Structure formats: C-alpha cells, structure tokens
Amino acid sequence: MQLVLPQISQPLKIWEKIEIIIGDDDNKGIYQARIEDFVNDDIVITPPEFQEGKTLLRDDSPVVVLVTKKDAVYQFSSRIKKIKDKKNIAYLLSPPKDITRVQRRQFVRIDMFCHLRAAFIDSLDKDGKFKWFNASSVNISGGGMLLECVEKIKPSDIIVFTSDVFSKLNIAQPVAAICRRTYEEDKKYYSGVEFIRADHLSLHLEKKQIKLLPHSITLFDRFTQNQLINFIFHQQIEMRKKGLI
C-alpha cells in the first residue's frame, strides 16, 4: 500500500521512516516515526519517538514532516492527531499540504570543522588494533568529507575513522571511507573521502577483510546515512538563519 503525491518523486510507502518537527528556531522538537497505513487521506504512523529539542508534540499540533527519497528530501505541512479507544492509541497525520523539495540527497555539503582520528584499513594488526593518526574535517555531506590530514591519503585508499560529529549523532564508530581525490596546499594534505555503507563493503573489500573489521563498520547503513543527511539539512537551515550561507 502506498500514497502517491505528484510533488514527490516516489510514493510514500508503509514502514518508511519520517521525521516530524514541531515549533521552530532553537525551541523546535524533533521526532521520528514510521508510516503504518493510509486511511482515507490521513497517514497512520507509529508513536513518534523524541530525538531532540524543547517543544513537545501535542494533539492537533501543526507540524512539518520530512521524508527522504532517492533524489531529494521533501517536506510537507500537516497536523498530528492522537486517536484513543478503550484498547488502542493511534497517531494520524492529516493530508499533506505545501509539499516542497528542500534539498538534493546526493549530497549537500557544508563547511564544518571537527576532530577525527583515522587509520588506514591495512594498518590493522593481528591484535585487532589500528595505527591511528589525527585529522580534521573541512566540510561534510551525507556522502563524505573533505579531510585535512597529517598523513597523505591517496585515491582508492580505504580508511576507518571516528569523529566528533558522529559521536554527537550517536553513530557507531569507527566508520569506513574510501579516498576519491587528494591534493596538497600550503604543505598540508587534503583528501576527499566517501563513506562506505554496509551494503557497499563487498565492493571494496574481500569477505575475510570485512570479518576482521570492527562491528560498527557494518552498522553504517542507509538509515544511518539518512540520519546524517537530516542533521546536515538542519545545520543548513540554522546557517541560513544566521546569514552564514
């Protein structure tokens, strides 16, 4: 079962993840839920799970809903309703209004500095330990980062890394990435790396290599990447409000 909306490139589908925002500015509240069903023009969702923020959901509150598709993130206006009977509680979103495309998914990049600890994947020793070095991000997107490094990372090199941003988002670390480009400027090394999702690991590594990697690397899946995409989207909004972009 699905809901076709002409303004969105693909239909809304059952069990699709959505993000619900109530309020605005620094007081907004952010929730996540999944689509359970479509009843008439309403969307039935799972109980919204609080993620962060200061504003709590209330019955019949106006909300903004974000849904991530292959080509873009879309948003629409709605109202959330809590329906009770003697045995059950259901949550409904009223029919979508003011549907807009808010960004390309592949991939908006923003300037962001954060500390990283990185290691070449082939530095893993027999005790399961990496040889770490320091790095920092210059910018970040849902697909990768531009790094400033003390070590030269060459195209096709695969690294693992941990970062402040991923810690903030509670993303399991380390995460794997492959270098796509590199250059040197003012005696500093810069490398553009692409995050390697769990379903793409076999394109870059052999099975025996994957088995030796930290389990966290196999947890960086499409849903985790969408979490990062949405974080960057919200950072963009805040930066635009401050006139920084």
C-alpha atoms as a PDB file:
ATOM      1  CA  MET A   1       0.000   0.000   0.000  1.00  0.00           C
ATOM      2  CA  GLN A   2       1.277   3.461  -0.844  1.00  0.00           C
ATOM      3  CA  LEU A   3       0.292   7.082  -1.228  1.00  0.00           C
ATOM      4  CA  VAL A   4       1.129   8.833  -4.484  1.00  0.00           C
ATOM      5  CA  LEU A   5       1.758  12.580  -4.203  1.00  0.00           C
ATOM      6  CA  PRO A   6       2.529  14.308  -7.530  1.00  0.00           C
ATOM      7  CA  GLN A   7       5.023  16.705  -5.906  1.00  0.00           C
ATOM      8  CA  ILE A   8       7.177  13.841  -4.539  1.00  0.00           C
ATOM      9  CA  SER A   9       9.270  11.715  -6.886  1.00  0.00           C
ATOM     10  CA  GLN A  10       8.289   8.382  -5.292  1.00  0.00           C
ATOM     11  CA  PRO A  11       5.171   7.255  -3.399  1.00  0.00           C
ATOM     12  CA  LEU A  12       5.063   7.229   0.382  1.00  0.00           C
ATOM     13  CA  LYS A  13       5.241   3.595   1.496  1.00  0.00           C
ATOM     14  CA  ILE A  14       4.348   1.610   4.590  1.00  0.00           C
ATOM     15  CA  TRP A  15       7.189   1.377   7.127  1.00  0.00           C
ATOM     16  CA  GLU A  16       9.002   4.331   5.549  1.00  0.00           C
ATOM     17  CA  LYS A  17      10.828   6.479   8.114  1.00  0.00           C
ATOM     18  CA  ILE A  18       9.774  10.102   8.549  1.00  0.00           C
ATOM     19  CA  GLU A  19      10.921  12.990  10.710  1.00  0.00           C
ATOM     20  CA  ILE A  20       8.406  15.227  12.457  1.00  0.00           C
ATOM     21  CA  ILE A  21       9.277  18.770  13.549  1.00  0.00           C
ATOM     22  CA  ILE A  22       7.155  20.876  15.866  1.00  0.00           C
ATOM     23  CA  GLY A  23       7.946  24.516  16.574  1.00  0.00           C
ATOM     24  CA  ASP A  24      10.814  26.454  15.053  1.00  0.00           C
ATOM     25  CA  ASP A  25      14.158  28.086  15.725  1.00  0.00           C
ATOM     26  CA  ASP A  26      16.009  26.890  18.832  1.00  0.00           C
ATOM     27  CA  ASN A  27      12.822  25.671  20.519  1.00  0.00           C
ATOM     28  CA  LYS A  28      11.758  23.130  17.916  1.00  0.00           C
ATOM     29  CA  GLY A  29      11.218  19.492  18.829  1.00  0.00           C
ATOM     30  CA  ILE A  30      12.334  16.677  16.510  1.00  0.00           C
ATOM     31  CA  TYR A  31      10.665  13.256  16.446  1.00  0.00           C
ATOM     32  CA  GLN A  32      10.966  10.149  14.282  1.00  0.00           C
ATOM     33  CA  ALA A  33       8.253   7.693  13.282  1.00  0.00           C
ATOM     34  CA  ARG A  34       7.362   5.210  10.555  1.00  0.00           C
ATOM     35  CA  ILE A  35       4.334   5.038   8.302  1.00  0.00           C
ATOM     36  CA  GLU A  36       1.938   2.247   9.312  1.00  0.00           C
ATOM     37  CA  ASP A  37      -1.035   2.723   6.993  1.00  0.00           C
ATOM     38  CA  PHE A  38      -3.077   5.120   4.895  1.00  0.00           C
ATOM     39  CA  VAL A  39      -6.696   5.718   5.884  1.00  0.00           C
ATOM     40  CA  ASN A  40      -8.673   7.911   3.507  1.00  0.00           C
ATOM     41  CA  ASP A  41      -6.327  10.880   3.103  1.00  0.00           C
ATOM     42  CA  ASP A  42      -4.708  10.543   6.544  1.00  0.00           C
ATOM     43  CA  ILE A  43      -1.345   8.875   7.239  1.00  0.00           C
ATOM     44  CA  VAL A  44      -1.235   6.446  10.174  1.00  0.00           C
ATOM     45  CA  ILE A  45       2.157   6.462  11.907  1.00  0.00           C
ATOM     46  CA  THR A  46       3.913   4.653  14.745  1.00  0.00           C
ATOM     47  CA  PRO A  47       4.134   6.501  18.086  1.00  0.00           C
ATOM     48  CA  PRO A  48       6.611   9.355  17.444  1.00  0.00           C
ATOM     49  CA  GLU A  49       9.955   8.898  19.210  1.00  0.00           C
ATOM     50  CA  PHE A  50      11.549  12.029  20.660  1.00  0.00           C
ATOM     51  CA  GLN A  51      15.025  12.779  19.251  1.00  0.00           C
ATOM     52  CA  GLU A  52      15.949  16.244  20.498  1.00  0.00           C
ATOM     53  CA  GLY A  53      14.694  19.776  21.105  1.00  0.00           C
ATOM     54  CA  LYS A  54      12.485  21.682  23.521  1.00  0.00           C
ATOM     55  CA  THR A  55       8.951  21.634  22.073  1.00  0.00           C
ATOM     56  CA  LEU A  56       6.779  18.592  22.810  1.00  0.00           C
ATOM     57  CA  LEU A  57       4.133  17.158  20.499  1.00  0.00           C
ATOM     58  CA  ARG A  58       0.530  17.900  21.420  1.00  0.00           C
ATOM     59  CA  ASP A  59      -2.708  16.601  19.981  1.00  0.00           C
ATOM     60  CA  ASP A  60      -3.749  18.547  16.856  1.00  0.00           C
ATOM     61  CA  SER A  61      -0.389  20.354  16.715  1.00  0.00           C
ATOM     62  CA  PRO A  62       0.762  21.774  13.358  1.00  0.00           C
ATOM     63  CA  VAL A  63       3.955  20.002  12.282  1.00  0.00           C
ATOM     64  CA  VAL A  64       6.435  19.818   9.420  1.00  0.00           C
ATOM     65  CA  VAL A  65       7.189  16.324   8.114  1.00  0.00           C
ATOM     66  CA  LEU A  66      10.427  15.377   6.323  1.00  0.00           C
ATOM     67  CA  VAL A  67      10.726  12.324   4.096  1.00  0.00           C
ATOM     68  CA  THR A  68      13.932  11.255   2.342  1.00  0.00           C
ATOM     69  CA  LYS A  69      13.731   9.901  -1.202  1.00  0.00           C
ATOM     70  CA  LYS A  70      16.496   8.820  -3.580  1.00  0.00           C
ATOM     71  CA  ASP A  71      16.659  12.170  -5.328  1.00  0.00           C
ATOM     72  CA  ALA A  72      15.860  14.605  -2.510  1.00  0.00           C
ATOM     73  CA  VAL A  73      14.470  15.355   0.914  1.00  0.00           C
ATOM     74  CA  TYR A  74      10.863  16.568   0.786  1.00  0.00           C
ATOM     75  CA  GLN A  75       8.819  18.340   3.419  1.00  0.00           C
ATOM     76  CA  PHE A  76       5.123  18.979   3.916  1.00  0.00           C
ATOM     77  CA  SER A  77       2.838  20.602   6.451  1.00  0.00           C
ATOM     78  CA  SER A  78       0.393  18.519   8.462  1.00  0.00           C
ATOM     79  CA  ARG A  79      -1.364  18.218  11.828  1.00  0.00           C
ATOM     80  CA  ILE A  80      -0.810  15.310  14.185  1.00  0.00           C
ATOM     81  CA  LYS A  81      -3.802  13.691  15.827  1.00  0.00           C
ATOM     82  CA  LYS A  82      -3.928  11.215  18.708  1.00  0.00           C
ATOM     83  CA  ILE A  83      -6.896   8.837  18.481  1.00  0.00           C
ATOM     84  CA  LYS A  84      -7.822   6.748  21.535  1.00  0.00           C
ATOM     85  CA  ASP A  85     -10.256   3.929  22.122  1.00  0.00           C
ATOM     86  CA  LYS A  86     -10.560   1.506  25.036  1.00  0.00           C
ATOM     87  CA  LYS A  87      -7.676  -0.676  23.868  1.00  0.00           C
ATOM     88  CA  ASN A  88      -5.501   1.254  21.440  1.00  0.00           C
ATOM     89  CA  ILE A  89      -3.909   4.592  20.664  1.00  0.00           C
ATOM     90  CA  ALA A  90      -3.315   5.599  17.045  1.00  0.00           C
ATOM     91  CA  TYR A  91      -1.415   8.565  15.628  1.00  0.00           C
ATOM     92  CA  LEU A  92      -2.546  10.207  12.407  1.00  0.00           C
ATOM     93  CA  LEU A  93      -1.065  12.869  10.175  1.00  0.00           C
ATOM     94  CA  SER A  94      -3.616  14.949   8.296  1.00  0.00           C
ATOM     95  CA  PRO A  95      -3.336  15.074   4.463  1.00  0.00           C
ATOM     96  CA  PRO A  96      -0.013  16.621   3.333  1.00  0.00           C
ATOM     97  CA  LYS A  97      -0.054  20.301   2.333  1.00  0.00           C
ATOM     98  CA  ASP A  98       2.538  22.723   0.956  1.00  0.00           C
ATOM     99  CA  ILE A  99       4.811  19.936  -0.296  1.00  0.00           C
ATOM    100  CA  THR A 100       8.277  21.217  -1.264  1.00  0.00           C
ATOM    101  CA  ARG A 101      11.593  19.747  -2.269  1.00  0.00           C
ATOM    102  CA  VAL A 102      14.147  21.051   0.198  1.00  0.00           C
ATOM    103  CA  GLN A 103      17.458  19.609  -0.964  1.00  0.00           C
ATOM    104  CA  ARG A 104      19.142  17.132  -3.280  1.00  0.00           C
ATOM    105  CA  ARG A 105      20.048  13.998  -1.439  1.00  0.00           C
ATOM    106  CA  GLN A 106      23.291  13.299  -3.289  1.00  0.00           C
ATOM    107  CA  PHE A 107      24.727  15.299  -1.419  1.00  0.00           C
ATOM    108  CA  VAL A 108      24.645  18.819   0.008  1.00  0.00           C
ATOM    109  CA  ARG A 109      27.950  19.804   1.594  1.00  0.00           C
ATOM    110  CA  ILE A 110      28.531  22.316   4.385  1.00  0.00           C
ATOM    111  CA  ASP A 111      31.724  23.701   5.893  1.00  0.00           C
ATOM    112  CA  MET A 112      32.252  22.097   9.278  1.00  0.00           C
ATOM    113  CA  PHE A 113      35.352  21.614  11.402  1.00  0.00           C
ATOM    114  CA  CYS A 114      35.548  18.557  13.627  1.00  0.00           C
ATOM    115  CA  HIS A 115      38.358  16.456  15.052  1.00  0.00           C
ATOM    116  CA  LEU A 116      38.946  12.990  13.644  1.00  0.00           C
ATOM    117  CA  ARG A 117      41.063  10.009  14.468  1.00  0.00           C
ATOM    118  CA  ALA A 118      41.821   7.999  11.344  1.00  0.00           C
ATOM    119  CA  ALA A 119      43.731   4.890  10.301  1.00  0.00           C
ATOM    120  CA  PHE A 120      44.472   3.089   7.072  1.00  0.00           C
ATOM    121  CA  ILE A 121      42.478  -0.105   6.911  1.00  0.00           C
ATOM    122  CA  ASP A 122      45.590  -2.159   6.165  1.00  0.00           C
ATOM    123  CA  SER A 123      47.230  -0.908   9.389  1.00  0.00           C
ATOM    124  CA  LEU A 124      45.060  -3.350  11.362  1.00  0.00           C
ATOM    125  CA  ASP A 125      47.395  -5.696  13.241  1.00  0.00           C
ATOM    126  CA  LYS A 126      46.889  -9.271  14.453  1.00  0.00           C
ATOM    127  CA  ASP A 127      45.547  -7.977  17.772  1.00  0.00           C
ATOM    128  CA  GLY A 128      42.759  -6.056  16.015  1.00  0.00           C
ATOM    129  CA  LYS A 129      44.321  -2.637  16.628  1.00  0.00           C
ATOM    130  CA  PHE A 130      44.746   0.177  14.119  1.00  0.00           C
ATOM    131  CA  LYS A 131      47.625   2.637  13.796  1.00  0.00           C
ATOM    132  CA  TRP A 132      45.752   5.914  14.320  1.00  0.00           C
ATOM    133  CA  PHE A 133      46.672   9.420  13.161  1.00  0.00           C
ATOM    134  CA  ASN A 134      44.991  12.803  13.642  1.00  0.00           C
ATOM    135  CA  ALA A 135      42.903  14.587  11.022  1.00  0.00           C
ATOM    136  CA  SER A 136      40.132  17.171  10.851  1.00  0.00           C
ATOM    137  CA  SER A 137      37.182  17.853   8.562  1.00  0.00           C
ATOM    138  CA  VAL A 138      36.974  20.879   6.266  1.00  0.00           C
ATOM    139  CA  ASN A 139      33.451  20.149   5.065  1.00  0.00           C
ATOM    140  CA  ILE A 140      30.949  17.318   5.301  1.00  0.00           C
ATOM    141  CA  SER A 141      27.984  15.901   3.404  1.00  0.00           C
ATOM    142  CA  GLY A 142      25.789  12.856   3.758  1.00  0.00           C
ATOM    143  CA  GLY A 143      28.139  11.081   1.383  1.00  0.00           C
ATOM    144  CA  GLY A 144      31.574  12.007   2.658  1.00  0.00           C
ATOM    145  CA  MET A 145      34.056  14.535   3.999  1.00  0.00           C
ATOM    146  CA  LEU A 146      36.959  16.677   2.892  1.00  0.00           C
ATOM    147  CA  LEU A 147      39.762  15.986   5.359  1.00  0.00           C
ATOM    148  CA  GLU A 148      42.892  17.876   6.302  1.00  0.00           C
ATOM    149  CA  CYS A 149      45.413  15.219   7.270  1.00  0.00           C
ATOM    150  CA  VAL A 150      48.874  14.806   8.689  1.00  0.00           C
ATOM    151  CA  GLU A 151      49.165  11.669   6.571  1.00  0.00           C
ATOM    152  CA  LYS A 152      48.799  11.577   2.795  1.00  0.00           C
ATOM    153  CA  ILE A 153      45.726   9.573   1.815  1.00  0.00           C
ATOM    154  CA  LYS A 154      45.790   8.579  -1.855  1.00  0.00           C
ATOM    155  CA  PRO A 155      42.838   7.862  -4.166  1.00  0.00           C
ATOM    156  CA  SER A 156      41.447   4.334  -3.573  1.00  0.00           C
ATOM    157  CA  ASP A 157      42.972   4.159  -0.080  1.00  0.00           C
ATOM    158  CA  ILE A 158      40.444   2.924   2.473  1.00  0.00           C
ATOM    159  CA  ILE A 159      40.452   4.369   5.972  1.00  0.00           C
ATOM    160  CA  VAL A 160      38.460   3.984   9.159  1.00  0.00           C
ATOM    161  CA  PHE A 161      37.764   6.988  11.350  1.00  0.00           C
ATOM    162  CA  THR A 162      35.977   8.369  14.379  1.00  0.00           C
ATOM    163  CA  SER A 163      34.693  11.950  14.568  1.00  0.00           C
ATOM    164  CA  ASP A 164      33.121  14.444  16.964  1.00  0.00           C
ATOM    165  CA  VAL A 165      30.090  14.816  14.673  1.00  0.00           C
ATOM    166  CA  PHE A 166      29.364  11.104  14.578  1.00  0.00           C
ATOM    167  CA  SER A 167      29.681  10.964  18.378  1.00  0.00           C
ATOM    168  CA  LYS A 168      27.106  13.760  18.673  1.00  0.00           C
ATOM    169  CA  LEU A 169      24.692  11.782  16.483  1.00  0.00           C
ATOM    170  CA  ASN A 170      25.335   8.523  18.388  1.00  0.00           C
ATOM    171  CA  ILE A 171      26.531   6.844  15.186  1.00  0.00           C
ATOM    172  CA  ALA A 172      28.542   3.686  15.929  1.00  0.00           C
ATOM    173  CA  GLN A 173      32.234   4.183  15.224  1.00  0.00           C
ATOM    174  CA  PRO A 174      34.651   3.727  13.584  1.00  0.00           C
ATOM    175  CA  VAL A 175      33.174   4.155  10.092  1.00  0.00           C
ATOM    176  CA  ALA A 176      34.910   3.197   6.838  1.00  0.00           C
ATOM    177  CA  ALA A 177      35.568   5.536   3.901  1.00  0.00           C
ATOM    178  CA  ILE A 178      37.381   5.418   0.569  1.00  0.00           C
ATOM    179  CA  CYS A 179      39.521   8.258  -0.770  1.00  0.00           C
ATOM    180  CA  ARG A 180      38.243   9.668  -4.068  1.00  0.00           C
ATOM    181  CA  ARG A 181      40.600  12.634  -4.547  1.00  0.00           C
ATOM    182  CA  THR A 182      43.579  14.275  -2.896  1.00  0.00           C
ATOM    183  CA  TYR A 183      45.662  17.426  -3.217  1.00  0.00           C
ATOM    184  CA  GLU A 184      48.371  19.349  -1.381  1.00  0.00           C
ATOM    185  CA  GLU A 185      48.165  23.031  -0.461  1.00  0.00           C
ATOM    186  CA  ASP A 186      50.407  25.128   1.808  1.00  0.00           C
ATOM    187  CA  LYS A 187      52.253  21.961   2.808  1.00  0.00           C
ATOM    188  CA  LYS A 188      49.012  20.366   4.039  1.00  0.00           C
ATOM    189  CA  TYR A 189      47.345  17.233   2.671  1.00  0.00           C
ATOM    190  CA  TYR A 190      43.644  17.277   1.746  1.00  0.00           C
ATOM    191  CA  SER A 191      41.611  14.195   0.864  1.00  0.00           C
ATOM    192  CA  GLY A 192      38.004  13.863  -0.233  1.00  0.00           C
ATOM    193  CA  VAL A 193      36.624  10.613   1.170  1.00  0.00           C
ATOM    194  CA  GLU A 194      33.333   8.828   0.527  1.00  0.00           C
ATOM    195  CA  PHE A 195      31.670   6.957   3.386  1.00  0.00           C
ATOM    196  CA  ILE A 196      31.290   3.228   2.714  1.00  0.00           C
ATOM    197  CA  ARG A 197      27.819   1.968   3.595  1.00  0.00           C
ATOM    198  CA  ALA A 198      27.412  -1.548   4.946  1.00  0.00           C
ATOM    199  CA  ASP A 199      25.740  -2.738   1.723  1.00  0.00           C
ATOM    200  CA  HIS A 200      28.716  -1.483  -0.310  1.00  0.00           C
ATOM    201  CA  LEU A 201      31.520  -3.026   1.742  1.00  0.00           C
ATOM    202  CA  SER A 202      31.791  -6.038  -0.543  1.00  0.00           C
ATOM    203  CA  LEU A 203      32.507  -3.700  -3.485  1.00  0.00           C
ATOM    204  CA  HIS A 204      35.725  -2.565  -1.830  1.00  0.00           C
ATOM    205  CA  LEU A 205      36.840  -5.377   0.470  1.00  0.00           C
ATOM    206  CA  GLU A 206      37.045  -9.149   0.477  1.00  0.00           C
ATOM    207  CA  LYS A 207      34.871 -11.161   2.862  1.00  0.00           C
ATOM    208  CA  LYS A 208      37.847 -12.155   5.013  1.00  0.00           C
ATOM    209  CA  GLN A 209      38.789  -8.472   5.386  1.00  0.00           C
ATOM    210  CA  ILE A 210      35.248  -7.499   6.363  1.00  0.00           C
ATOM    211  CA  LYS A 211      35.176 -10.170   9.076  1.00  0.00           C
ATOM    212  CA  LEU A 212      38.232  -8.626  10.748  1.00  0.00           C
ATOM    213  CA  LEU A 213      36.742  -5.115  10.880  1.00  0.00           C
ATOM    214  CA  PRO A 214      35.075  -3.569  13.939  1.00  0.00           C
ATOM    215  CA  HIS A 215      31.355  -4.399  14.009  1.00  0.00           C
ATOM    216  CA  SER A 216      30.444  -0.694  13.885  1.00  0.00           C
ATOM    217  CA  ILE A 217      31.528  -0.520  10.241  1.00  0.00           C
ATOM    218  CA  THR A 218      28.730  -2.930   9.292  1.00  0.00           C
ATOM    219  CA  LEU A 219      26.186  -0.714  11.091  1.00  0.00           C
ATOM    220  CA  PHE A 220      26.651   2.321   8.838  1.00  0.00           C
ATOM    221  CA  ASP A 221      23.629   1.586   6.658  1.00  0.00           C
ATOM    222  CA  ARG A 222      21.155   3.623   4.600  1.00  0.00           C
ATOM    223  CA  PHE A 223      19.142   4.602   7.678  1.00  0.00           C
ATOM    224  CA  THR A 224      22.260   5.847   9.477  1.00  0.00           C
ATOM    225  CA  GLN A 225      23.263   7.807   6.390  1.00  0.00           C
ATOM    226  CA  ASN A 226      19.784   9.377   6.275  1.00  0.00           C
ATOM    227  CA  GLN A 227      20.276  10.437   9.890  1.00  0.00           C
ATOM    228  CA  LEU A 228      23.446  12.245   8.835  1.00  0.00           C
ATOM    229  CA  ILE A 229      21.710  13.808   5.812  1.00  0.00           C
ATOM    230  CA  ASN A 230      18.927  15.177   8.013  1.00  0.00           C
ATOM    231  CA  PHE A 231      21.455  16.560  10.507  1.00  0.00           C
ATOM    232  CA  ILE A 232      23.233  18.432   7.714  1.00  0.00           C
ATOM    233  CA  PHE A 233      19.899  19.689   6.396  1.00  0.00           C
ATOM    234  CA  HIS A 234      19.044  21.185   9.794  1.00  0.00           C
ATOM    235  CA  GLN A 235      22.542  22.681  10.057  1.00  0.00           C
ATOM    236  CA  GLN A 236      21.914  24.380   6.713  1.00  0.00           C
ATOM    237  CA  ILE A 237      18.698  25.887   7.995  1.00  0.00           C
ATOM    238  CA  GLU A 238      20.433  27.297  11.065  1.00  0.00           C
ATOM    239  CA  MET A 239      23.324  28.670   8.990  1.00  0.00           C
ATOM    240  CA  ARG A 240      20.914  30.376   6.585  1.00  0.00           C
ATOM    241  CA  LYS A 241      19.099  31.989   9.521  1.00  0.00           C
ATOM    242  CA  LYS A 242      22.422  33.380  10.729  1.00  0.00           C
ATOM    243  CA  GLY A 243      23.363  34.581   7.247  1.00  0.00           C
ATOM    244  CA  LEU A 244      26.358  32.254   7.060  1.00  0.00           C
ATOM    245  CA  ILE A 245      25.283  30.727   3.723  1.00  0.00           C
END
